Structure formats: structure tokens, C-alpha cells
Amino acid sequence: MPEFLSAEWIDALDDAAQAGTLPESAADASLTVEQVVRDAPAGEVRYHLRLEHRGARIGRGPAEAPDLRLFADYDVAARLQRGEISAQQALAAGSLKVQGRLQRLVQAGEALQALEDLFAPIRAVTTYPESPAER
């Protein structure tokens, strides 16, 4: 079982993304999003999502010239990943920060929803280590 934010977890997401095809209606979706998770058990973690040509890739580390960067503390990122809160709720609460071209995120909404379905099996087996705040 992959541990949240580990290299194994990011690679599992990438494998799932590569195995799937985004819907035809998402063919024009082009977006790069970098996720920055602060206060993770192993320190800050960065990974990124790249959508283009009806496909997606998930990569370790920072993205080159991302359209958006999302910043969250570990606890918020874990709650988002488990589906306990939505990104909209986290934004409204001020616990998810967005930097960049938000309109690109809105335009890629259908493609991002399709990815959620592809990632569901990984979410179901992901483990979550204690955050530093919980220790």
C-alpha cells in the first residue's frame, strides 16, 4: 500500500494516469499544476500534474513553469486526498492557497474529474502517516 506523498504513491498515480484516457471533450485541456505540501512527515513535498493531448502525467518534484501552484499543510492535503473536504471548502477556509492562472483550472474541470475516477483505486489503499502536528 502506498504511503501518501511517497515516491511510490506518486508513481502509482502516474501509472493510473498513463493507463487511462481522458474523455474526448477534454482533448483541448492543457494544464500543469504543482502541489506543494508543507509540514509533511518527511518535510515539504512537491509533485505535479500535467494534462495535455487527452492524457495526464504525475511527476515527482516541482513542475517547470506551472500554470498553478497549490499550497496546503499536510493535514489539509490528506483530508483533500481522502475526500473529507473539497478544494472549494479548503479555499474558502483559507487552508488551500492558489498561485497562478485559476481560469486554467476551471477550463480543465472535466479532465480533472476524469482523473479523480482513475485515482480512486489508489486512494482506497493509500496509508497516511501521522503529521508532525499529531505527534
C-alpha atoms as a PDB file:
ATOM      1  CA  MET A   1       0.000   0.000   0.000  1.00  0.00           C
ATOM      2  CA  PRO A   2       1.474   3.338  -0.984  1.00  0.00           C
ATOM      3  CA  GLU A   3       2.048   5.945   1.679  1.00  0.00           C
ATOM      4  CA  PHE A   4       0.612   9.393   0.944  1.00  0.00           C
ATOM      5  CA  LEU A   5       3.198  11.678  -0.703  1.00  0.00           C
ATOM      6  CA  SER A   6       5.833   8.934  -1.033  1.00  0.00           C
ATOM      7  CA  ALA A   7       7.650   8.304  -4.311  1.00  0.00           C
ATOM      8  CA  GLU A   8       5.709   5.018  -4.555  1.00  0.00           C
ATOM      9  CA  TRP A   9       2.397   6.899  -4.202  1.00  0.00           C
ATOM     10  CA  ILE A  10       3.304   9.493  -6.848  1.00  0.00           C
ATOM     11  CA  ASP A  11       4.453   6.724  -9.202  1.00  0.00           C
ATOM     12  CA  ALA A  12       1.183   4.817  -8.621  1.00  0.00           C
ATOM     13  CA  LEU A  13      -0.801   7.933  -9.540  1.00  0.00           C
ATOM     14  CA  ASP A  14       1.315   8.340 -12.675  1.00  0.00           C
ATOM     15  CA  ASP A  15       0.760   4.701 -13.652  1.00  0.00           C
ATOM     16  CA  ALA A  16      -3.005   5.145 -13.264  1.00  0.00           C
ATOM     17  CA  ALA A  17      -2.934   8.384 -15.262  1.00  0.00           C
ATOM     18  CA  GLN A  18      -0.986   6.773 -18.086  1.00  0.00           C
ATOM     19  CA  ALA A  19      -3.297   3.742 -18.176  1.00  0.00           C
ATOM     20  CA  GLY A  20      -6.379   5.901 -18.678  1.00  0.00           C
ATOM     21  CA  THR A  21      -7.563   8.181 -21.436  1.00  0.00           C
ATOM     22  CA  LEU A  22      -9.357  11.410 -20.751  1.00  0.00           C
ATOM     23  CA  PRO A  23     -12.735  11.963 -22.409  1.00  0.00           C
ATOM     24  CA  GLU A  24     -12.868  13.381 -25.946  1.00  0.00           C
ATOM     25  CA  SER A  25     -14.414  16.553 -24.534  1.00  0.00           C
ATOM     26  CA  ALA A  26     -11.179  17.086 -22.577  1.00  0.00           C
ATOM     27  CA  ALA A  27      -8.972  16.819 -25.666  1.00  0.00           C
ATOM     28  CA  ASP A  28      -8.083  20.512 -25.553  1.00  0.00           C
ATOM     29  CA  ALA A  29      -7.293  20.544 -21.835  1.00  0.00           C
ATOM     30  CA  SER A  30      -3.749  21.696 -21.217  1.00  0.00           C
ATOM     31  CA  LEU A  31      -2.686  22.408 -17.665  1.00  0.00           C
ATOM     32  CA  THR A  32       0.258  21.982 -15.321  1.00  0.00           C
ATOM     33  CA  VAL A  33      -0.407  22.120 -11.585  1.00  0.00           C
ATOM     34  CA  GLU A  34       2.250  21.886  -8.903  1.00  0.00           C
ATOM     35  CA  GLN A  35       1.149  20.757  -5.453  1.00  0.00           C
ATOM     36  CA  VAL A  36       3.215  21.955  -2.501  1.00  0.00           C
ATOM     37  CA  VAL A  37       2.524  20.158   0.771  1.00  0.00           C
ATOM     38  CA  ARG A  38       4.094  21.782   3.783  1.00  0.00           C
ATOM     39  CA  ASP A  39       4.742  20.115   7.126  1.00  0.00           C
ATOM     40  CA  ALA A  40       4.611  16.562   5.742  1.00  0.00           C
ATOM     41  CA  PRO A  41       6.219  13.931   7.985  1.00  0.00           C
ATOM     42  CA  ALA A  42       9.310  13.893   5.731  1.00  0.00           C
ATOM     43  CA  GLY A  43       9.325  17.672   5.168  1.00  0.00           C
ATOM     44  CA  GLU A  44       7.926  19.687   2.289  1.00  0.00           C
ATOM     45  CA  VAL A  45       6.808  17.609  -0.706  1.00  0.00           C
ATOM     46  CA  ARG A  46       6.249  18.866  -4.242  1.00  0.00           C
ATOM     47  CA  TYR A  47       4.711  16.927  -7.076  1.00  0.00           C
ATOM     48  CA  HIS A  48       2.937  17.951 -10.250  1.00  0.00           C
ATOM     49  CA  LEU A  49       0.194  17.046 -12.683  1.00  0.00           C
ATOM     50  CA  ARG A  50       0.470  17.727 -16.405  1.00  0.00           C
ATOM     51  CA  LEU A  51      -2.579  17.445 -18.673  1.00  0.00           C
ATOM     52  CA  GLU A  52      -2.239  17.509 -22.452  1.00  0.00           C
ATOM     53  CA  HIS A  53      -3.452  15.669 -25.542  1.00  0.00           C
ATOM     54  CA  ARG A  54      -6.151  13.681 -23.665  1.00  0.00           C
ATOM     55  CA  GLY A  55      -3.518  12.284 -21.339  1.00  0.00           C
ATOM     56  CA  ALA A  56      -2.026  13.032 -17.952  1.00  0.00           C
ATOM     57  CA  ARG A  57       1.240  12.505 -16.121  1.00  0.00           C
ATOM     58  CA  ILE A  58       2.077  12.867 -12.450  1.00  0.00           C
ATOM     59  CA  GLY A  59       5.677  13.684 -11.612  1.00  0.00           C
ATOM     60  CA  ARG A  60       7.826  13.987  -8.529  1.00  0.00           C
ATOM     61  CA  GLY A  61       9.235  17.359  -7.598  1.00  0.00           C
ATOM     62  CA  PRO A  62       8.422  20.840  -8.822  1.00  0.00           C
ATOM     63  CA  ALA A  63       6.962  21.486 -12.261  1.00  0.00           C
ATOM     64  CA  GLU A  64       8.689  23.521 -14.887  1.00  0.00           C
ATOM     65  CA  ALA A  65       6.597  26.686 -15.442  1.00  0.00           C
ATOM     66  CA  PRO A  66       3.327  25.509 -13.826  1.00  0.00           C
ATOM     67  CA  ASP A  67       0.060  27.249 -14.643  1.00  0.00           C
ATOM     68  CA  LEU A  68      -0.898  26.918 -10.980  1.00  0.00           C
ATOM     69  CA  ARG A  69       0.660  26.125  -7.645  1.00  0.00           C
ATOM     70  CA  LEU A  70      -1.460  24.813  -4.817  1.00  0.00           C
ATOM     71  CA  PHE A  71      -0.139  25.186  -1.257  1.00  0.00           C
ATOM     72  CA  ALA A  72      -1.518  23.250   1.702  1.00  0.00           C
ATOM     73  CA  ASP A  73      -0.348  21.931   5.041  1.00  0.00           C
ATOM     74  CA  TYR A  74      -0.087  18.161   5.347  1.00  0.00           C
ATOM     75  CA  ASP A  75      -3.318  17.728   7.307  1.00  0.00           C
ATOM     76  CA  VAL A  76      -5.346  19.677   4.732  1.00  0.00           C
ATOM     77  CA  ALA A  77      -3.704  17.847   1.812  1.00  0.00           C
ATOM     78  CA  ALA A  78      -4.503  14.483   3.442  1.00  0.00           C
ATOM     79  CA  ARG A  79      -8.124  15.479   4.069  1.00  0.00           C
ATOM     80  CA  LEU A  80      -8.437  16.599   0.448  1.00  0.00           C
ATOM     81  CA  GLN A  81      -6.950  13.336  -0.779  1.00  0.00           C
ATOM     82  CA  ARG A  82      -9.286  11.242   1.398  1.00  0.00           C
ATOM     83  CA  GLY A  83     -12.281  13.236   0.134  1.00  0.00           C
ATOM     84  CA  GLU A  84     -13.147  14.597   3.571  1.00  0.00           C
ATOM     85  CA  ILE A  85     -13.205  18.163   2.280  1.00  0.00           C
ATOM     86  CA  SER A  86     -13.380  19.668  -1.201  1.00  0.00           C
ATOM     87  CA  ALA A  87     -10.869  22.056  -2.703  1.00  0.00           C
ATOM     88  CA  GLN A  88     -13.593  24.725  -2.673  1.00  0.00           C
ATOM     89  CA  GLN A  89     -14.104  24.252   1.073  1.00  0.00           C
ATOM     90  CA  ALA A  90     -10.363  24.420   1.713  1.00  0.00           C
ATOM     91  CA  LEU A  91     -10.068  27.578  -0.410  1.00  0.00           C
ATOM     92  CA  ALA A  92     -12.987  29.201   1.388  1.00  0.00           C
ATOM     93  CA  ALA A  93     -11.438  28.350   4.762  1.00  0.00           C
ATOM     94  CA  GLY A  94      -8.103  29.803   3.675  1.00  0.00           C
ATOM     95  CA  SER A  95      -6.289  26.492   4.191  1.00  0.00           C
ATOM     96  CA  LEU A  96      -5.566  25.941   0.485  1.00  0.00           C
ATOM     97  CA  LYS A  97      -3.700  28.688  -1.306  1.00  0.00           C
ATOM     98  CA  VAL A  98      -3.625  29.058  -5.087  1.00  0.00           C
ATOM     99  CA  GLN A  99      -0.991  30.915  -7.062  1.00  0.00           C
ATOM    100  CA  GLY A 100      -1.260  31.343 -10.822  1.00  0.00           C
ATOM    101  CA  ARG A 101      -3.917  31.224 -13.518  1.00  0.00           C
ATOM    102  CA  LEU A 102      -7.044  29.933 -11.801  1.00  0.00           C
ATOM    103  CA  GLN A 103      -9.042  30.149 -15.037  1.00  0.00           C
ATOM    104  CA  ARG A 104      -6.920  27.312 -16.494  1.00  0.00           C
ATOM    105  CA  LEU A 105      -8.080  25.105 -13.624  1.00  0.00           C
ATOM    106  CA  VAL A 106     -11.720  25.885 -14.376  1.00  0.00           C
ATOM    107  CA  GLN A 107     -11.223  25.133 -18.086  1.00  0.00           C
ATOM    108  CA  ALA A 108      -9.738  21.711 -17.290  1.00  0.00           C
ATOM    109  CA  GLY A 109     -12.538  20.750 -14.899  1.00  0.00           C
ATOM    110  CA  GLU A 110     -13.867  17.806 -16.904  1.00  0.00           C
ATOM    111  CA  ALA A 111     -10.399  16.332 -17.408  1.00  0.00           C
ATOM    112  CA  LEU A 112      -9.631  16.697 -13.701  1.00  0.00           C
ATOM    113  CA  GLN A 113     -12.899  14.967 -12.774  1.00  0.00           C
ATOM    114  CA  ALA A 114     -11.993  12.037 -15.050  1.00  0.00           C
ATOM    115  CA  LEU A 115      -8.646  11.754 -13.251  1.00  0.00           C
ATOM    116  CA  GLU A 116     -10.415  11.533  -9.902  1.00  0.00           C
ATOM    117  CA  ASP A 117     -12.075   8.348 -11.159  1.00  0.00           C
ATOM    118  CA  LEU A 118      -8.737   6.937 -12.363  1.00  0.00           C
ATOM    119  CA  PHE A 119      -7.119   7.673  -8.993  1.00  0.00           C
ATOM    120  CA  ALA A 120      -9.932   6.187  -6.854  1.00  0.00           C
ATOM    121  CA  PRO A 121      -8.330   2.716  -6.535  1.00  0.00           C
ATOM    122  CA  ILE A 122      -5.082   4.278  -5.302  1.00  0.00           C
ATOM    123  CA  ARG A 123      -6.900   6.500  -2.818  1.00  0.00           C
ATOM    124  CA  ALA A 124      -8.626   3.389  -1.453  1.00  0.00           C
ATOM    125  CA  VAL A 125      -5.316   1.742  -0.476  1.00  0.00           C
ATOM    126  CA  THR A 126      -3.260   4.815   0.446  1.00  0.00           C
ATOM    127  CA  THR A 127      -1.959   4.989   4.007  1.00  0.00           C
ATOM    128  CA  TYR A 128      -1.396   8.254   5.855  1.00  0.00           C
ATOM    129  CA  PRO A 129       1.459   8.646   8.332  1.00  0.00           C
ATOM    130  CA  GLU A 130       0.967  10.918  11.309  1.00  0.00           C
ATOM    131  CA  SER A 131       1.683  14.542  10.651  1.00  0.00           C
ATOM    132  CA  PRO A 132       4.216  16.348  12.823  1.00  0.00           C
ATOM    133  CA  ALA A 133       1.292  18.231  14.384  1.00  0.00           C
ATOM    134  CA  GLU A 134      -0.286  14.945  15.545  1.00  0.00           C
ATOM    135  CA  ARG A 135       2.859  13.691  17.313  1.00  0.00           C
END
